[in-house]
């Protein structure tokens, strides 16, 4: 077996030789361009790892059954928490780039046109694989306009592939918690939950009763989760203290963590862009700060899980689970 040498294993010659300053090429050296390049290269390396982790979770959920006994759900939770931790690091990396002043940036900014972080393929792929479809994007007419034709085609092809959000919907639909075999004495159990919820509403919340019907019974084309998936997700959230539901709850909560930290990343990006270029357009031609703010407000992928908090009520009012369900050793999802 050959000896592995650290610089060769990490291919440091390639990595450390990958910083070519446009300002040096132009004969106008700008000290902070090195920082700018390294920060963005670090982002892209971390995006690669995040895509690797998300892809592995999607492979688990492509199975017709997610096996709790083999630890698949635990693995998915662990890897999504790793994604969240990586994204936390990316949020903090803005602090490094903010050590560059606006004048430092102007020393080389015009040399970058029309290159832009808006052309980050990996970030676009990440959003698409998580579940952000083109019709839901802010400024969708502009979203792929700055990409090379082959990259544009790659992003558009993802519209026809299942997303993590699709796979989670299918997983929730398969869950058997509300099937009659578990509720022989109370086949209309979810209707009982509806009554308990409606009775808990206070003045000003009357419209929530109709919203319950829209989400859990009738469904709506403007929502991604089917009524069956939404019922299962709410059931998990209501009974999360039961051991057999704890991992499923942690999984749903991990998706919300990712949504939250991606929103934080966008918020820090807005702050940095405003600090660096004020109200000017971005190097790629976007509207800069205003575009980023619109994306931050609308690009929440797992918001329908967060919506379910509207339909929770006190633990003390929850009906006890039937013995048949409490004795179940695993989900049949």
C-alpha atoms as a PDB file:
ATOM      1  CA  UNK A   1       0.000   0.000   0.000  1.00  0.00           C
ATOM      2  CA  UNK A   2       1.384   3.390  -0.968  1.00  0.00           C
ATOM      3  CA  UNK A   3       1.876   6.079   1.640  1.00  0.00           C
ATOM      4  CA  UNK A   4      -0.622   8.939   1.508  1.00  0.00           C
ATOM      5  CA  UNK A   5       1.005  12.367   1.651  1.00  0.00           C
ATOM      6  CA  UNK A   6      -1.128  15.154   3.178  1.00  0.00           C
ATOM      7  CA  UNK A   7      -0.622  17.840   0.462  1.00  0.00           C
ATOM      8  CA  UNK A   8      -1.216  15.262  -2.281  1.00  0.00           C
ATOM      9  CA  UNK A   9      -4.306  13.782  -0.617  1.00  0.00           C
ATOM     10  CA  UNK A  10      -5.908  17.229  -0.358  1.00  0.00           C
ATOM     11  CA  UNK A  11      -4.576  18.267  -3.782  1.00  0.00           C
ATOM     12  CA  UNK A  12      -3.353  21.485  -2.221  1.00  0.00           C
ATOM     13  CA  UNK A  13      -1.435  22.493  -5.353  1.00  0.00           C
ATOM     14  CA  UNK A  14      -4.789  22.808  -7.159  1.00  0.00           C
ATOM     15  CA  UNK A  15      -6.655  24.447  -4.300  1.00  0.00           C
ATOM     16  CA  UNK A  16      -3.976  26.926  -3.247  1.00  0.00           C
ATOM     17  CA  UNK A  17      -3.156  27.746  -6.842  1.00  0.00           C
ATOM     18  CA  UNK A  18      -6.779  28.543  -7.741  1.00  0.00           C
ATOM     19  CA  UNK A  19      -6.724  32.215  -6.758  1.00  0.00           C
ATOM     20  CA  UNK A  20      -6.056  34.352  -9.836  1.00  0.00           C
ATOM     21  CA  UNK A  21      -6.654  38.017  -9.118  1.00  0.00           C
ATOM     22  CA  UNK A  22      -8.227  40.039 -11.936  1.00  0.00           C
ATOM     23  CA  UNK A  23      -6.706  43.160 -10.441  1.00  0.00           C
ATOM     24  CA  UNK A  24      -3.203  41.677 -10.796  1.00  0.00           C
ATOM     25  CA  UNK A  25      -3.929  40.783 -14.426  1.00  0.00           C
ATOM     26  CA  UNK A  26      -5.023  44.369 -15.043  1.00  0.00           C
ATOM     27  CA  UNK A  27      -1.853  45.725 -13.426  1.00  0.00           C
ATOM     28  CA  UNK A  28      -3.896  47.355 -10.641  1.00  0.00           C
ATOM     29  CA  UNK A  29      -3.345  45.113  -7.593  1.00  0.00           C
ATOM     30  CA  UNK A  30      -6.219  45.221  -5.075  1.00  0.00           C
ATOM     31  CA  UNK A  31      -5.273  43.685  -1.746  1.00  0.00           C
ATOM     32  CA  UNK A  32      -8.802  42.564  -0.750  1.00  0.00           C
ATOM     33  CA  UNK A  33      -9.531  40.642  -3.940  1.00  0.00           C
ATOM     34  CA  UNK A  34      -7.676  37.647  -2.464  1.00  0.00           C
ATOM     35  CA  UNK A  35     -10.061  37.632   0.488  1.00  0.00           C
ATOM     36  CA  UNK A  36     -13.043  37.978  -1.848  1.00  0.00           C
ATOM     37  CA  UNK A  37     -11.992  34.969  -3.932  1.00  0.00           C
ATOM     38  CA  UNK A  38     -11.163  32.710  -0.993  1.00  0.00           C
ATOM     39  CA  UNK A  39     -14.438  33.476   0.792  1.00  0.00           C
ATOM     40  CA  UNK A  40     -16.455  32.576  -2.283  1.00  0.00           C
ATOM     41  CA  UNK A  41     -14.390  29.468  -2.997  1.00  0.00           C
ATOM     42  CA  UNK A  42     -15.005  28.366   0.608  1.00  0.00           C
ATOM     43  CA  UNK A  43     -18.742  28.918   0.097  1.00  0.00           C
ATOM     44  CA  UNK A  44     -18.712  26.719  -2.989  1.00  0.00           C
ATOM     45  CA  UNK A  45     -16.814  23.933  -1.185  1.00  0.00           C
ATOM     46  CA  UNK A  46     -19.364  23.973   1.615  1.00  0.00           C
ATOM     47  CA  UNK A  47     -22.233  24.033  -0.901  1.00  0.00           C
ATOM     48  CA  UNK A  48     -20.741  20.864  -2.391  1.00  0.00           C
ATOM     49  CA  UNK A  49     -20.804  19.171   1.020  1.00  0.00           C
ATOM     50  CA  UNK A  50     -24.375  20.337   1.684  1.00  0.00           C
ATOM     51  CA  UNK A  51     -25.509  18.927  -1.671  1.00  0.00           C
ATOM     52  CA  UNK A  52     -23.750  15.655  -0.818  1.00  0.00           C
ATOM     53  CA  UNK A  53     -25.630  15.399   2.505  1.00  0.00           C
ATOM     54  CA  UNK A  54     -29.010  16.419   1.063  1.00  0.00           C
ATOM     55  CA  UNK A  55     -28.560  13.943  -1.796  1.00  0.00           C
ATOM     56  CA  UNK A  56     -27.945  11.103   0.664  1.00  0.00           C
ATOM     57  CA  UNK A  57     -31.110  11.991   2.611  1.00  0.00           C
ATOM     58  CA  UNK A  58     -33.112  12.054  -0.613  1.00  0.00           C
ATOM     59  CA  UNK A  59     -31.847   8.559  -1.467  1.00  0.00           C
ATOM     60  CA  UNK A  60     -33.188   7.314   1.888  1.00  0.00           C
ATOM     61  CA  UNK A  61     -36.596   8.835   1.252  1.00  0.00           C
ATOM     62  CA  UNK A  62     -36.838   7.464  -2.275  1.00  0.00           C
ATOM     63  CA  UNK A  63     -37.425   4.021  -0.714  1.00  0.00           C
ATOM     64  CA  UNK A  64     -41.010   2.852  -0.415  1.00  0.00           C
ATOM     65  CA  UNK A  65     -40.354   2.331   3.283  1.00  0.00           C
ATOM     66  CA  UNK A  66     -38.123   4.406   5.541  1.00  0.00           C
ATOM     67  CA  UNK A  67     -36.922   1.793   8.020  1.00  0.00           C
ATOM     68  CA  UNK A  68     -36.817   3.068  11.583  1.00  0.00           C
ATOM     69  CA  UNK A  69     -35.331  -0.145  12.923  1.00  0.00           C
ATOM     70  CA  UNK A  70     -32.295   0.094  10.658  1.00  0.00           C
ATOM     71  CA  UNK A  71     -31.709   3.685  11.760  1.00  0.00           C
ATOM     72  CA  UNK A  72     -32.471   5.322   8.408  1.00  0.00           C
ATOM     73  CA  UNK A  73     -34.569   8.091   9.943  1.00  0.00           C
ATOM     74  CA  UNK A  74     -31.901   8.726  12.556  1.00  0.00           C
ATOM     75  CA  UNK A  75     -29.272   8.964   9.801  1.00  0.00           C
ATOM     76  CA  UNK A  76     -31.453  11.442   7.890  1.00  0.00           C
ATOM     77  CA  UNK A  77     -31.892  13.619  11.002  1.00  0.00           C
ATOM     78  CA  UNK A  78     -28.167  13.507  11.740  1.00  0.00           C
ATOM     79  CA  UNK A  79     -27.217  14.545   8.206  1.00  0.00           C
ATOM     80  CA  UNK A  80     -29.774  17.348   8.062  1.00  0.00           C
ATOM     81  CA  UNK A  81     -28.441  18.659  11.369  1.00  0.00           C
ATOM     82  CA  UNK A  82     -24.976  18.612   9.800  1.00  0.00           C
ATOM     83  CA  UNK A  83     -26.369  20.649   6.892  1.00  0.00           C
ATOM     84  CA  UNK A  84     -27.807  23.130   9.371  1.00  0.00           C
ATOM     85  CA  UNK A  85     -24.453  23.401  11.174  1.00  0.00           C
ATOM     86  CA  UNK A  86     -22.606  24.007   7.882  1.00  0.00           C
ATOM     87  CA  UNK A  87     -25.102  26.705   6.927  1.00  0.00           C
ATOM     88  CA  UNK A  88     -24.577  28.315  10.340  1.00  0.00           C
ATOM     89  CA  UNK A  89     -20.865  28.512   9.496  1.00  0.00           C
ATOM     90  CA  UNK A  90     -21.698  30.119   6.145  1.00  0.00           C
ATOM     91  CA  UNK A  91     -23.769  32.773   7.920  1.00  0.00           C
ATOM     92  CA  UNK A  92     -20.792  33.583  10.167  1.00  0.00           C
ATOM     93  CA  UNK A  93     -18.465  33.796   7.154  1.00  0.00           C
ATOM     94  CA  UNK A  94     -20.164  37.067   6.219  1.00  0.00           C
ATOM     95  CA  UNK A  95     -18.354  38.561   9.230  1.00  0.00           C
ATOM     96  CA  UNK A  96     -15.051  37.903   7.479  1.00  0.00           C
ATOM     97  CA  UNK A  97     -16.018  39.492   4.184  1.00  0.00           C
ATOM     98  CA  UNK A  98     -17.451  42.474   6.072  1.00  0.00           C
ATOM     99  CA  UNK A  99     -13.905  43.314   7.177  1.00  0.00           C
ATOM    100  CA  UNK A 100     -13.558  44.591   3.592  1.00  0.00           C
ATOM    101  CA  UNK A 101     -14.702  48.206   3.276  1.00  0.00           C
ATOM    102  CA  UNK A 102     -16.780  49.537   0.342  1.00  0.00           C
ATOM    103  CA  UNK A 103     -13.752  51.422  -1.001  1.00  0.00           C
ATOM    104  CA  UNK A 104     -11.648  48.252  -0.774  1.00  0.00           C
ATOM    105  CA  UNK A 105     -14.304  46.492  -2.872  1.00  0.00           C
ATOM    106  CA  UNK A 106     -14.423  49.291  -5.442  1.00  0.00           C
ATOM    107  CA  UNK A 107     -10.708  48.739  -6.106  1.00  0.00           C
ATOM    108  CA  UNK A 108     -11.626  45.628  -8.107  1.00  0.00           C
ATOM    109  CA  UNK A 109     -15.449  45.428  -8.368  1.00  0.00           C
ATOM    110  CA  UNK A 110     -15.738  46.641 -11.969  1.00  0.00           C
ATOM    111  CA  UNK A 111     -13.212  44.017 -13.066  1.00  0.00           C
ATOM    112  CA  UNK A 112     -15.670  41.263 -12.054  1.00  0.00           C
ATOM    113  CA  UNK A 113     -18.526  42.197 -14.414  1.00  0.00           C
ATOM    114  CA  UNK A 114     -20.666  40.377 -15.378  1.00  0.00           C
ATOM    115  CA  UNK A 115     -19.684  37.630 -12.899  1.00  0.00           C
ATOM    116  CA  UNK A 116     -21.941  37.455  -9.839  1.00  0.00           C
ATOM    117  CA  UNK A 117     -22.783  35.199  -6.916  1.00  0.00           C
ATOM    118  CA  UNK A 118     -26.155  35.028  -8.641  1.00  0.00           C
ATOM    119  CA  UNK A 119     -24.426  32.613 -11.029  1.00  0.00           C
ATOM    120  CA  UNK A 120     -23.631  30.107  -8.268  1.00  0.00           C
ATOM    121  CA  UNK A 121     -24.893  26.871  -9.803  1.00  0.00           C
ATOM    122  CA  UNK A 122     -24.513  24.896  -6.606  1.00  0.00           C
ATOM    123  CA  UNK A 123     -26.720  27.263  -4.597  1.00  0.00           C
ATOM    124  CA  UNK A 124     -29.397  27.167  -7.314  1.00  0.00           C
ATOM    125  CA  UNK A 125     -29.197  23.358  -7.402  1.00  0.00           C
ATOM    126  CA  UNK A 126     -29.498  23.226  -3.605  1.00  0.00           C
ATOM    127  CA  UNK A 127     -32.653  25.366  -3.610  1.00  0.00           C
ATOM    128  CA  UNK A 128     -34.136  23.269  -6.437  1.00  0.00           C
ATOM    129  CA  UNK A 129     -33.317  19.927  -4.803  1.00  0.00           C
ATOM    130  CA  UNK A 130     -34.789  21.011  -1.485  1.00  0.00           C
ATOM    131  CA  UNK A 131     -38.059  21.949  -3.176  1.00  0.00           C
ATOM    132  CA  UNK A 132     -38.049  25.514  -4.474  1.00  0.00           C
ATOM    133  CA  UNK A 133     -39.779  25.289  -7.851  1.00  0.00           C
ATOM    134  CA  UNK A 134     -39.386  27.925 -10.541  1.00  0.00           C
ATOM    135  CA  UNK A 135     -42.967  29.208 -10.225  1.00  0.00           C
ATOM    136  CA  UNK A 136     -42.375  29.966  -6.540  1.00  0.00           C
ATOM    137  CA  UNK A 137     -39.193  31.974  -7.098  1.00  0.00           C
ATOM    138  CA  UNK A 138     -39.040  35.706  -6.657  1.00  0.00           C
ATOM    139  CA  UNK A 139     -37.946  37.300  -9.939  1.00  0.00           C
ATOM    140  CA  UNK A 140     -38.290  33.980 -11.778  1.00  0.00           C
ATOM    141  CA  UNK A 141     -37.977  35.690 -15.172  1.00  0.00           C
ATOM    142  CA  UNK A 142     -34.468  36.751 -14.163  1.00  0.00           C
ATOM    143  CA  UNK A 143     -33.393  33.637 -12.264  1.00  0.00           C
ATOM    144  CA  UNK A 144     -31.578  31.783 -15.063  1.00  0.00           C
ATOM    145  CA  UNK A 145     -30.960  34.742 -17.375  1.00  0.00           C
ATOM    146  CA  UNK A 146     -27.336  35.205 -16.281  1.00  0.00           C
ATOM    147  CA  UNK A 147     -26.358  31.550 -16.726  1.00  0.00           C
ATOM    148  CA  UNK A 148     -24.546  29.897 -19.611  1.00  0.00           C
ATOM    149  CA  UNK A 149     -26.943  27.886 -21.820  1.00  0.00           C
ATOM    150  CA  UNK A 150     -25.699  24.517 -20.479  1.00  0.00           C
ATOM    151  CA  UNK A 151     -26.087  25.663 -16.870  1.00  0.00           C
ATOM    152  CA  UNK A 152     -29.532  27.098 -17.598  1.00  0.00           C
ATOM    153  CA  UNK A 153     -30.597  23.768 -19.092  1.00  0.00           C
ATOM    154  CA  UNK A 154     -29.305  21.931 -16.031  1.00  0.00           C
ATOM    155  CA  UNK A 155     -31.358  24.088 -13.654  1.00  0.00           C
ATOM    156  CA  UNK A 156     -34.475  23.790 -15.808  1.00  0.00           C
ATOM    157  CA  UNK A 157     -34.089  19.981 -15.933  1.00  0.00           C
ATOM    158  CA  UNK A 158     -34.326  19.852 -12.140  1.00  0.00           C
ATOM    159  CA  UNK A 159     -37.939  21.039 -12.455  1.00  0.00           C
ATOM    160  CA  UNK A 160     -38.842  17.533 -13.659  1.00  0.00           C
ATOM    161  CA  UNK A 161     -37.075  15.671 -10.846  1.00  0.00           C
ATOM    162  CA  UNK A 162     -38.509  14.867  -7.402  1.00  0.00           C
ATOM    163  CA  UNK A 163     -37.402  17.233  -4.652  1.00  0.00           C
ATOM    164  CA  UNK A 164     -36.826  16.568  -0.970  1.00  0.00           C
ATOM    165  CA  UNK A 165     -40.147  18.321  -0.331  1.00  0.00           C
ATOM    166  CA  UNK A 166     -41.882  15.898  -2.743  1.00  0.00           C
ATOM    167  CA  UNK A 167     -40.285  12.910  -1.022  1.00  0.00           C
ATOM    168  CA  UNK A 168     -41.286  14.150   2.435  1.00  0.00           C
ATOM    169  CA  UNK A 169     -44.873  14.589   1.235  1.00  0.00           C
ATOM    170  CA  UNK A 170     -44.926  10.995  -0.061  1.00  0.00           C
ATOM    171  CA  UNK A 171     -43.367   9.695   3.186  1.00  0.00           C
ATOM    172  CA  UNK A 172     -45.998  11.453   5.288  1.00  0.00           C
ATOM    173  CA  UNK A 173     -48.793  10.137   3.055  1.00  0.00           C
ATOM    174  CA  UNK A 174     -47.630   6.541   3.641  1.00  0.00           C
ATOM    175  CA  UNK A 175     -47.689   6.813   7.423  1.00  0.00           C
ATOM    176  CA  UNK A 176     -50.374   4.596   8.972  1.00  0.00           C
ATOM    177  CA  UNK A 177     -51.039   6.411  12.259  1.00  0.00           C
ATOM    178  CA  UNK A 178     -54.564   7.444  11.376  1.00  0.00           C
ATOM    179  CA  UNK A 179     -55.657   4.188   9.762  1.00  0.00           C
ATOM    180  CA  UNK A 180     -58.748   2.516  11.189  1.00  0.00           C
ATOM    181  CA  UNK A 181     -56.845  -0.562  12.384  1.00  0.00           C
ATOM    182  CA  UNK A 182     -55.220   1.598  15.051  1.00  0.00           C
ATOM    183  CA  UNK A 183     -58.503   3.242  16.062  1.00  0.00           C
ATOM    184  CA  UNK A 184     -61.089   0.423  16.246  1.00  0.00           C
ATOM    185  CA  UNK A 185     -63.084   2.277  18.904  1.00  0.00           C
ATOM    186  CA  UNK A 186     -62.826   5.691  17.221  1.00  0.00           C
ATOM    187  CA  UNK A 187     -62.621   5.525  13.417  1.00  0.00           C
ATOM    188  CA  UNK A 188     -63.314   9.280  13.125  1.00  0.00           C
ATOM    189  CA  UNK A 189     -60.399  10.239  15.357  1.00  0.00           C
ATOM    190  CA  UNK A 190     -59.158  13.138  13.217  1.00  0.00           C
ATOM    191  CA  UNK A 191     -62.619  14.675  13.282  1.00  0.00           C
ATOM    192  CA  UNK A 192     -62.359  14.594  17.070  1.00  0.00           C
ATOM    193  CA  UNK A 193     -59.041  16.431  16.842  1.00  0.00           C
ATOM    194  CA  UNK A 194     -60.712  19.021  14.620  1.00  0.00           C
ATOM    195  CA  UNK A 195     -63.431  19.612  17.234  1.00  0.00           C
ATOM    196  CA  UNK A 196     -60.858  19.921  20.021  1.00  0.00           C
ATOM    197  CA  UNK A 197     -58.960  22.467  17.941  1.00  0.00           C
ATOM    198  CA  UNK A 198     -62.004  24.515  16.945  1.00  0.00           C
ATOM    199  CA  UNK A 199     -63.131  24.606  20.577  1.00  0.00           C
ATOM    200  CA  UNK A 200     -59.711  26.017  21.535  1.00  0.00           C
ATOM    201  CA  UNK A 201     -59.977  29.035  19.217  1.00  0.00           C
ATOM    202  CA  UNK A 202     -60.339  32.493  20.729  1.00  0.00           C
ATOM    203  CA  UNK A 203     -61.991  35.617  19.370  1.00  0.00           C
ATOM    204  CA  UNK A 204     -60.409  36.692  16.103  1.00  0.00           C
ATOM    205  CA  UNK A 205     -59.325  33.145  15.140  1.00  0.00           C
ATOM    206  CA  UNK A 206     -62.647  31.978  13.718  1.00  0.00           C
ATOM    207  CA  UNK A 207     -61.195  31.818  10.201  1.00  0.00           C
ATOM    208  CA  UNK A 208     -58.801  29.116  11.329  1.00  0.00           C
ATOM    209  CA  UNK A 209     -61.661  26.611  11.389  1.00  0.00           C
ATOM    210  CA  UNK A 210     -62.062  27.031   7.607  1.00  0.00           C
ATOM    211  CA  UNK A 211     -58.295  26.892   7.208  1.00  0.00           C
ATOM    212  CA  UNK A 212     -58.274  23.517   8.999  1.00  0.00           C
ATOM    213  CA  UNK A 213     -60.699  22.161   6.417  1.00  0.00           C
ATOM    214  CA  UNK A 214     -58.642  23.592   3.549  1.00  0.00           C
ATOM    215  CA  UNK A 215     -55.368  22.058   4.734  1.00  0.00           C
ATOM    216  CA  UNK A 216     -56.427  18.737   6.270  1.00  0.00           C
ATOM    217  CA  UNK A 217     -59.620  17.791   4.406  1.00  0.00           C
ATOM    218  CA  UNK A 218     -60.191  19.481   1.062  1.00  0.00           C
ATOM    219  CA  UNK A 219     -56.650  20.338   0.029  1.00  0.00           C
ATOM    220  CA  UNK A 220     -55.656  23.285  -2.129  1.00  0.00           C
ATOM    221  CA  UNK A 221     -53.617  23.758  -5.328  1.00  0.00           C
ATOM    222  CA  UNK A 222     -51.662  26.532  -3.625  1.00  0.00           C
ATOM    223  CA  UNK A 223     -50.275  24.097  -1.027  1.00  0.00           C
ATOM    224  CA  UNK A 224     -47.634  21.445  -1.599  1.00  0.00           C
ATOM    225  CA  UNK A 225     -48.611  18.989   1.152  1.00  0.00           C
ATOM    226  CA  UNK A 226     -51.630  16.838   0.426  1.00  0.00           C
ATOM    227  CA  UNK A 227     -54.338  16.619   3.137  1.00  0.00           C
ATOM    228  CA  UNK A 228     -53.105  13.119   4.080  1.00  0.00           C
ATOM    229  CA  UNK A 229     -49.506  14.340   4.449  1.00  0.00           C
ATOM    230  CA  UNK A 230     -50.615  17.379   6.440  1.00  0.00           C
ATOM    231  CA  UNK A 231     -52.682  15.184   8.788  1.00  0.00           C
ATOM    232  CA  UNK A 232     -49.707  12.914   9.439  1.00  0.00           C
ATOM    233  CA  UNK A 233     -47.364  15.846  10.060  1.00  0.00           C
ATOM    234  CA  UNK A 234     -49.805  17.431  12.518  1.00  0.00           C
ATOM    235  CA  UNK A 235     -50.268  14.083  14.265  1.00  0.00           C
ATOM    236  CA  UNK A 236     -46.490  13.788  14.699  1.00  0.00           C
ATOM    237  CA  UNK A 237     -46.298  17.299  16.115  1.00  0.00           C
ATOM    238  CA  UNK A 238     -49.168  16.734  18.548  1.00  0.00           C
ATOM    239  CA  UNK A 239     -47.854  13.386  19.803  1.00  0.00           C
ATOM    240  CA  UNK A 240     -44.136  14.118  19.532  1.00  0.00           C
ATOM    241  CA  UNK A 241     -43.528  13.096  23.170  1.00  0.00           C
ATOM    242  CA  UNK A 242     -44.345   9.477  22.370  1.00  0.00           C
ATOM    243  CA  UNK A 243     -41.067   7.574  21.790  1.00  0.00           C
ATOM    244  CA  UNK A 244     -42.093   6.206  18.389  1.00  0.00           C
ATOM    245  CA  UNK A 245     -42.779   9.708  17.067  1.00  0.00           C
ATOM    246  CA  UNK A 246     -39.737  11.514  18.422  1.00  0.00           C
ATOM    247  CA  UNK A 247     -37.426  10.879  15.479  1.00  0.00           C
ATOM    248  CA  UNK A 248     -40.110  11.794  12.956  1.00  0.00           C
ATOM    249  CA  UNK A 249     -40.651  15.070  14.821  1.00  0.00           C
ATOM    250  CA  UNK A 250     -36.907  15.746  14.896  1.00  0.00           C
ATOM    251  CA  UNK A 251     -36.789  15.175  11.139  1.00  0.00           C
ATOM    252  CA  UNK A 252     -39.564  17.704  10.478  1.00  0.00           C
ATOM    253  CA  UNK A 253     -37.917  20.120  12.894  1.00  0.00           C
ATOM    254  CA  UNK A 254     -34.597  19.731  11.055  1.00  0.00           C
ATOM    255  CA  UNK A 255     -36.273  20.850   7.827  1.00  0.00           C
ATOM    256  CA  UNK A 256     -37.508  23.980   9.609  1.00  0.00           C
ATOM    257  CA  UNK A 257     -33.989  24.564  10.965  1.00  0.00           C
ATOM    258  CA  UNK A 258     -32.642  24.535   7.402  1.00  0.00           C
ATOM    259  CA  UNK A 259     -35.317  26.993   6.251  1.00  0.00           C
ATOM    260  CA  UNK A 260     -34.489  29.282   9.171  1.00  0.00           C
ATOM    261  CA  UNK A 261     -30.732  29.299   8.662  1.00  0.00           C
ATOM    262  CA  UNK A 262     -31.082  29.817   4.899  1.00  0.00           C
ATOM    263  CA  UNK A 263     -33.244  32.849   5.650  1.00  0.00           C
ATOM    264  CA  UNK A 264     -30.512  34.053   8.044  1.00  0.00           C
ATOM    265  CA  UNK A 265     -27.915  33.558   5.304  1.00  0.00           C
ATOM    266  CA  UNK A 266     -29.994  35.657   2.913  1.00  0.00           C
ATOM    267  CA  UNK A 267     -30.515  38.344   5.555  1.00  0.00           C
ATOM    268  CA  UNK A 268     -26.765  38.632   6.183  1.00  0.00           C
ATOM    269  CA  UNK A 269     -26.181  38.699   2.428  1.00  0.00           C
ATOM    270  CA  UNK A 270     -28.617  41.625   2.117  1.00  0.00           C
ATOM    271  CA  UNK A 271     -26.850  43.469   4.913  1.00  0.00           C
ATOM    272  CA  UNK A 272     -23.450  42.908   3.321  1.00  0.00           C
ATOM    273  CA  UNK A 273     -24.608  43.964  -0.167  1.00  0.00           C
ATOM    274  CA  UNK A 274     -26.246  47.126   1.186  1.00  0.00           C
ATOM    275  CA  UNK A 275     -23.088  47.940   3.127  1.00  0.00           C
ATOM    276  CA  UNK A 276     -20.840  47.390   0.121  1.00  0.00           C
ATOM    277  CA  UNK A 277     -22.778  48.872  -2.801  1.00  0.00           C
ATOM    278  CA  UNK A 278     -25.728  50.718  -1.229  1.00  0.00           C
ATOM    279  CA  UNK A 279     -28.586  50.918  -3.745  1.00  0.00           C
ATOM    280  CA  UNK A 280     -26.503  50.194  -6.863  1.00  0.00           C
ATOM    281  CA  UNK A 281     -27.213  47.205  -9.144  1.00  0.00           C
ATOM    282  CA  UNK A 282     -25.239  44.001  -8.657  1.00  0.00           C
ATOM    283  CA  UNK A 283     -22.300  43.066 -10.872  1.00  0.00           C
ATOM    284  CA  UNK A 284     -24.530  40.489 -12.567  1.00  0.00           C
ATOM    285  CA  UNK A 285     -27.184  43.082 -13.351  1.00  0.00           C
ATOM    286  CA  UNK A 286     -29.705  42.244 -10.606  1.00  0.00           C
ATOM    287  CA  UNK A 287     -31.358  44.957  -8.548  1.00  0.00           C
ATOM    288  CA  UNK A 288     -28.990  44.099  -5.725  1.00  0.00           C
ATOM    289  CA  UNK A 289     -30.453  44.607  -2.273  1.00  0.00           C
ATOM    290  CA  UNK A 290     -34.115  44.739  -3.389  1.00  0.00           C
ATOM    291  CA  UNK A 291     -33.839  41.423  -5.269  1.00  0.00           C
ATOM    292  CA  UNK A 292     -32.203  39.707  -2.290  1.00  0.00           C
ATOM    293  CA  UNK A 293     -34.892  40.988   0.070  1.00  0.00           C
ATOM    294  CA  UNK A 294     -37.654  39.660  -2.181  1.00  0.00           C
ATOM    295  CA  UNK A 295     -35.951  36.265  -2.295  1.00  0.00           C
ATOM    296  CA  UNK A 296     -35.530  36.204   1.488  1.00  0.00           C
ATOM    297  CA  UNK A 297     -39.231  36.923   2.029  1.00  0.00           C
ATOM    298  CA  UNK A 298     -40.553  34.353  -0.448  1.00  0.00           C
ATOM    299  CA  UNK A 299     -38.048  31.492  -0.663  1.00  0.00           C
ATOM    300  CA  UNK A 300     -39.158  29.500   2.385  1.00  0.00           C
ATOM    301  CA  UNK A 301     -39.272  25.895   1.231  1.00  0.00           C
ATOM    302  CA  UNK A 302     -40.732  24.125   4.271  1.00  0.00           C
ATOM    303  CA  UNK A 303     -43.108  26.853   5.442  1.00  0.00           C
ATOM    304  CA  UNK A 304     -46.091  24.475   5.344  1.00  0.00           C
ATOM    305  CA  UNK A 305     -44.556  22.568   8.250  1.00  0.00           C
ATOM    306  CA  UNK A 306     -44.246  25.805  10.209  1.00  0.00           C
ATOM    307  CA  UNK A 307     -47.893  26.598   9.327  1.00  0.00           C
ATOM    308  CA  UNK A 308     -48.993  23.527  11.286  1.00  0.00           C
ATOM    309  CA  UNK A 309     -48.110  25.264  14.547  1.00  0.00           C
ATOM    310  CA  UNK A 310     -51.355  27.200  13.965  1.00  0.00           C
ATOM    311  CA  UNK A 311     -53.285  23.999  14.684  1.00  0.00           C
ATOM    312  CA  UNK A 312     -51.676  22.826  17.921  1.00  0.00           C
ATOM    313  CA  UNK A 313     -53.478  22.859  21.247  1.00  0.00           C
ATOM    314  CA  UNK A 314     -52.653  21.949  24.827  1.00  0.00           C
ATOM    315  CA  UNK A 315     -51.187  18.521  25.609  1.00  0.00           C
ATOM    316  CA  UNK A 316     -53.695  18.020  28.420  1.00  0.00           C
ATOM    317  CA  UNK A 317     -56.524  17.985  25.872  1.00  0.00           C
ATOM    318  CA  UNK A 318     -54.952  15.330  23.633  1.00  0.00           C
ATOM    319  CA  UNK A 319     -56.810  12.006  23.512  1.00  0.00           C
ATOM    320  CA  UNK A 320     -54.623   9.084  24.615  1.00  0.00           C
ATOM    321  CA  UNK A 321     -53.254   6.852  21.891  1.00  0.00           C
ATOM    322  CA  UNK A 322     -54.865   3.419  21.522  1.00  0.00           C
ATOM    323  CA  UNK A 323     -52.886   0.416  22.762  1.00  0.00           C
ATOM    324  CA  UNK A 324     -52.534  -0.948  19.226  1.00  0.00           C
ATOM    325  CA  UNK A 325     -50.630   2.150  18.190  1.00  0.00           C
ATOM    326  CA  UNK A 326     -48.594   2.519  21.382  1.00  0.00           C
ATOM    327  CA  UNK A 327     -47.364  -1.067  20.957  1.00  0.00           C
ATOM    328  CA  UNK A 328     -46.289  -0.534  17.366  1.00  0.00           C
ATOM    329  CA  UNK A 329     -42.517  -0.873  17.185  1.00  0.00           C
ATOM    330  CA  UNK A 330     -41.961   1.232  14.102  1.00  0.00           C
ATOM    331  CA  UNK A 331     -43.594   3.370  11.453  1.00  0.00           C
ATOM    332  CA  UNK A 332     -44.861   1.520   8.447  1.00  0.00           C
ATOM    333  CA  UNK A 333     -43.925   4.541   6.325  1.00  0.00           C
END
